N, C-alpha and C. Protein backbone atom coordinates (compact mmCIF):
# COMPACT_ATOMS: atom_id res chain seq x y z
N MET A 1 237.96 104.82 188.20
CA MET A 1 237.08 104.76 187.04
C MET A 1 236.51 103.33 186.92
N THR A 2 235.21 103.25 186.64
CA THR A 2 234.58 101.94 186.53
C THR A 2 234.75 101.39 185.12
N LYS A 3 234.75 100.09 185.04
CA LYS A 3 234.88 99.41 183.76
C LYS A 3 233.59 99.59 182.96
N PRO A 4 233.68 99.89 181.65
CA PRO A 4 232.48 100.07 180.84
C PRO A 4 231.67 98.78 180.75
N MET A 5 230.37 98.94 180.61
CA MET A 5 229.50 97.79 180.38
C MET A 5 229.66 97.33 178.95
N THR A 6 229.57 96.04 178.75
CA THR A 6 229.53 95.51 177.38
C THR A 6 228.12 95.70 176.83
N ASP A 7 227.97 95.51 175.53
CA ASP A 7 226.65 95.58 174.93
C ASP A 7 225.71 94.56 175.59
N GLU A 8 226.24 93.37 175.84
CA GLU A 8 225.44 92.31 176.43
C GLU A 8 224.99 92.66 177.84
N GLN A 9 225.87 93.28 178.62
CA GLN A 9 225.51 93.68 179.98
C GLN A 9 224.45 94.77 179.96
N ALA A 10 224.61 95.74 179.07
CA ALA A 10 223.63 96.81 178.96
C ALA A 10 222.28 96.25 178.51
N GLN A 11 222.30 95.34 177.53
CA GLN A 11 221.06 94.74 177.04
C GLN A 11 220.38 93.91 178.14
N ALA A 12 221.16 93.18 178.93
CA ALA A 12 220.60 92.40 180.03
C ALA A 12 219.94 93.31 181.07
N ARG A 13 220.59 94.43 181.36
CA ARG A 13 220.01 95.39 182.33
C ARG A 13 218.73 95.99 181.76
N ILE A 14 218.70 96.29 180.48
CA ILE A 14 217.49 96.82 179.83
C ILE A 14 216.35 95.81 179.99
N GLU A 15 216.64 94.55 179.71
CA GLU A 15 215.61 93.51 179.81
C GLU A 15 215.11 93.35 181.24
N GLU A 16 216.02 93.45 182.19
CA GLU A 16 215.66 93.37 183.61
C GLU A 16 214.73 94.52 183.99
N LEU A 17 215.09 95.73 183.58
CA LEU A 17 214.27 96.90 183.89
C LEU A 17 212.91 96.85 183.19
N GLU A 18 212.89 96.39 181.95
CA GLU A 18 211.61 96.27 181.24
C GLU A 18 210.70 95.25 181.92
N GLY A 19 211.27 94.18 182.46
CA GLY A 19 210.48 93.21 183.22
C GLY A 19 209.91 93.82 184.48
N GLU A 20 210.73 94.60 185.18
CA GLU A 20 210.25 95.28 186.39
C GLU A 20 209.14 96.27 186.04
N GLU A 21 209.34 96.99 184.93
CA GLU A 21 208.34 97.96 184.50
C GLU A 21 207.00 97.26 184.20
N ARG A 22 207.05 96.14 183.50
CA ARG A 22 205.82 95.39 183.20
C ARG A 22 205.13 94.92 184.48
N ARG A 23 205.93 94.43 185.43
CA ARG A 23 205.36 93.96 186.69
C ARG A 23 204.69 95.10 187.45
N LEU A 24 205.36 96.24 187.52
CA LEU A 24 204.78 97.39 188.22
C LEU A 24 203.49 97.86 187.56
N ARG A 25 203.47 97.89 186.24
CA ARG A 25 202.27 98.32 185.54
C ARG A 25 201.12 97.32 185.73
N ARG A 26 201.45 96.04 185.74
CA ARG A 26 200.44 95.01 185.98
C ARG A 26 199.88 95.14 187.39
N ASP A 27 200.79 95.32 188.37
CA ASP A 27 200.38 95.45 189.76
C ASP A 27 199.61 96.73 190.02
N GLU A 28 199.85 97.75 189.22
CA GLU A 28 199.16 99.03 189.36
C GLU A 28 197.65 98.83 189.31
N GLY A 29 197.19 98.03 188.36
CA GLY A 29 195.77 97.77 188.21
C GLY A 29 195.21 97.03 189.40
N VAL A 30 195.94 96.07 189.93
CA VAL A 30 195.48 95.29 191.09
C VAL A 30 195.41 96.17 192.32
N VAL A 31 196.47 96.94 192.58
CA VAL A 31 196.51 97.81 193.76
C VAL A 31 195.45 98.89 193.65
N GLY A 32 195.25 99.42 192.45
CA GLY A 32 194.28 100.49 192.26
C GLY A 32 192.86 100.06 192.56
N GLU A 33 192.59 98.76 192.50
CA GLU A 33 191.25 98.25 192.77
C GLU A 33 190.97 98.16 194.26
N HIS A 34 191.98 98.19 195.10
CA HIS A 34 191.82 98.03 196.54
C HIS A 34 191.91 99.37 197.24
N ALA A 35 191.10 99.54 198.27
CA ALA A 35 191.13 100.77 199.07
C ALA A 35 192.48 100.88 199.76
N GLY A 36 192.98 102.09 199.87
CA GLY A 36 194.24 102.31 200.56
C GLY A 36 195.47 102.05 199.72
N GLY A 37 195.32 101.86 198.43
CA GLY A 37 196.45 101.57 197.57
C GLY A 37 197.17 102.79 197.05
N GLU A 38 196.73 103.99 197.47
CA GLU A 38 197.31 105.23 196.92
C GLU A 38 198.79 105.37 197.24
N GLY A 39 199.20 105.01 198.46
CA GLY A 39 200.63 105.12 198.82
C GLY A 39 201.49 104.21 197.98
N ARG A 40 201.03 103.02 197.74
CA ARG A 40 201.76 102.07 196.91
C ARG A 40 201.85 102.58 195.48
N LEU A 41 200.73 103.14 194.98
CA LEU A 41 200.73 103.67 193.62
C LEU A 41 201.73 104.81 193.48
N SER A 42 201.86 105.62 194.51
CA SER A 42 202.81 106.73 194.49
C SER A 42 204.24 106.21 194.41
N VAL A 43 204.55 105.20 195.22
CA VAL A 43 205.88 104.60 195.21
C VAL A 43 206.15 103.96 193.85
N ASP A 44 205.15 103.23 193.34
CA ASP A 44 205.31 102.58 192.04
C ASP A 44 205.50 103.61 190.94
N ALA A 45 204.76 104.70 190.98
CA ALA A 45 204.90 105.75 189.96
C ALA A 45 206.30 106.35 190.01
N GLN A 46 206.82 106.55 191.20
CA GLN A 46 208.18 107.08 191.34
C GLN A 46 209.19 106.08 190.76
N ARG A 47 209.01 104.81 191.07
CA ARG A 47 209.93 103.79 190.55
C ARG A 47 209.83 103.70 189.03
N LEU A 48 208.62 103.79 188.50
CA LEU A 48 208.45 103.76 187.04
C LEU A 48 209.19 104.91 186.38
N ALA A 49 209.15 106.09 187.00
CA ALA A 49 209.87 107.25 186.46
C ALA A 49 211.38 106.99 186.49
N GLU A 50 211.87 106.39 187.58
CA GLU A 50 213.30 106.06 187.68
C GLU A 50 213.70 105.04 186.62
N ILE A 51 212.85 104.05 186.40
CA ILE A 51 213.12 103.03 185.39
C ILE A 51 213.19 103.66 184.01
N ARG A 52 212.25 104.56 183.71
CA ARG A 52 212.22 105.23 182.40
C ARG A 52 213.53 105.96 182.14
N VAL A 53 214.01 106.67 183.15
CA VAL A 53 215.27 107.42 182.99
C VAL A 53 216.43 106.46 182.78
N GLU A 54 216.49 105.41 183.60
CA GLU A 54 217.60 104.46 183.45
C GLU A 54 217.56 103.77 182.09
N LEU A 55 216.36 103.43 181.62
CA LEU A 55 216.24 102.83 180.29
C LEU A 55 216.72 103.80 179.21
N ASP A 56 216.33 105.06 179.32
CA ASP A 56 216.79 106.06 178.35
C ASP A 56 218.31 106.15 178.34
N ARG A 57 218.91 106.15 179.53
CA ARG A 57 220.37 106.23 179.63
C ARG A 57 221.03 105.00 179.01
N LEU A 58 220.48 103.82 179.27
CA LEU A 58 221.06 102.59 178.73
C LEU A 58 220.92 102.51 177.22
N TRP A 59 219.75 102.89 176.67
CA TRP A 59 219.57 102.87 175.22
C TRP A 59 220.52 103.87 174.56
N ASP A 60 220.69 105.03 175.17
CA ASP A 60 221.63 106.03 174.66
C ASP A 60 223.04 105.45 174.65
N TYR A 61 223.41 104.78 175.72
CA TYR A 61 224.74 104.18 175.85
C TYR A 61 224.95 103.13 174.76
N LEU A 62 223.96 102.27 174.54
CA LEU A 62 224.08 101.25 173.48
C LEU A 62 224.22 101.90 172.11
N ARG A 63 223.43 102.94 171.85
CA ARG A 63 223.54 103.63 170.55
C ARG A 63 224.92 104.22 170.36
N GLN A 64 225.46 104.82 171.42
CA GLN A 64 226.82 105.37 171.33
C GLN A 64 227.85 104.28 171.05
N ARG A 65 227.75 103.16 171.75
CA ARG A 65 228.69 102.06 171.55
C ARG A 65 228.63 101.56 170.11
N ARG A 66 227.42 101.40 169.60
CA ARG A 66 227.26 100.90 168.23
C ARG A 66 227.80 101.91 167.21
N ALA A 67 227.54 103.19 167.45
CA ALA A 67 228.03 104.23 166.54
C ALA A 67 229.56 104.27 166.55
N ARG A 68 230.15 104.17 167.72
CA ARG A 68 231.62 104.17 167.82
C ARG A 68 232.20 102.95 167.09
N ARG A 69 231.58 101.80 167.29
CA ARG A 69 232.05 100.58 166.62
C ARG A 69 231.94 100.74 165.11
N ASP A 70 230.81 101.26 164.63
CA ASP A 70 230.60 101.45 163.19
C ASP A 70 231.60 102.44 162.60
N ALA A 71 232.07 103.38 163.42
CA ALA A 71 233.04 104.37 162.96
C ALA A 71 234.47 103.88 163.12
N GLY A 72 234.64 102.63 163.53
CA GLY A 72 235.98 102.08 163.71
C GLY A 72 236.65 102.52 164.99
N GLU A 73 235.88 103.05 165.93
CA GLU A 73 236.42 103.50 167.21
C GLU A 73 236.14 102.46 168.30
N ASP A 74 236.78 102.64 169.43
CA ASP A 74 236.60 101.73 170.57
C ASP A 74 235.26 102.01 171.24
N PRO A 75 234.35 101.04 171.26
CA PRO A 75 233.05 101.25 171.90
C PRO A 75 233.16 101.50 173.40
N ASP A 76 234.24 101.04 174.02
CA ASP A 76 234.42 101.26 175.45
C ASP A 76 234.65 102.73 175.79
N GLY A 77 234.87 103.56 174.78
CA GLY A 77 235.02 104.99 175.01
C GLY A 77 233.71 105.72 175.16
N ALA A 78 232.60 105.02 174.96
CA ALA A 78 231.28 105.65 175.08
C ALA A 78 230.97 105.91 176.55
N PRO A 79 230.60 107.13 176.88
CA PRO A 79 230.26 107.43 178.28
C PRO A 79 228.79 107.12 178.57
N MET A 80 228.50 106.80 179.82
CA MET A 80 227.12 106.68 180.28
C MET A 80 226.71 108.11 180.63
N ARG A 81 225.87 108.69 179.80
CA ARG A 81 225.48 110.09 180.00
C ARG A 81 224.52 110.23 181.18
N ASP A 82 224.56 111.42 181.79
CA ASP A 82 223.72 111.66 182.96
C ASP A 82 222.27 111.91 182.55
N GLU A 83 221.41 111.86 183.54
CA GLU A 83 219.97 112.02 183.31
C GLU A 83 219.64 113.34 182.61
N GLY A 84 220.26 114.42 183.05
CA GLY A 84 219.97 115.72 182.46
C GLY A 84 220.26 115.79 180.98
N THR A 85 221.33 115.14 180.56
CA THR A 85 221.70 115.12 179.14
C THR A 85 220.71 114.27 178.35
N VAL A 86 220.49 113.06 178.81
CA VAL A 86 219.64 112.12 178.06
C VAL A 86 218.19 112.59 178.05
N GLU A 87 217.70 113.09 179.16
CA GLU A 87 216.30 113.52 179.21
C GLU A 87 216.09 114.87 178.52
N GLY A 88 217.19 115.55 178.17
CA GLY A 88 217.09 116.83 177.49
C GLY A 88 216.98 116.70 175.97
N TYR A 89 217.13 115.48 175.44
CA TYR A 89 217.03 115.28 173.99
C TYR A 89 215.63 115.58 173.51
N LEU A 90 215.54 116.08 172.31
CA LEU A 90 214.22 116.30 171.71
C LEU A 90 213.74 114.98 171.12
N GLY A 91 212.47 114.67 171.32
CA GLY A 91 211.91 113.40 170.87
C GLY A 91 211.47 113.37 169.48
């Protein structure tokens, strides 16, 4: 079993992913202006989708940790939920 992430570790990973997301979106415009950039855009779009899922999972994890702490429970008991669970939530 892996050691749970702390709030700080989860927040740092969120910030890292958000930075990557911003870079990919910025580069999207540059690549889109050049001929032959379709393959790169496809890879970037796939990575953006992966980032979105990971961000959703991390935000869910942080919310669980905070809720457990507020309820007087151990935040380390919060599980990192799988993609199917997190992406199945109604918005």
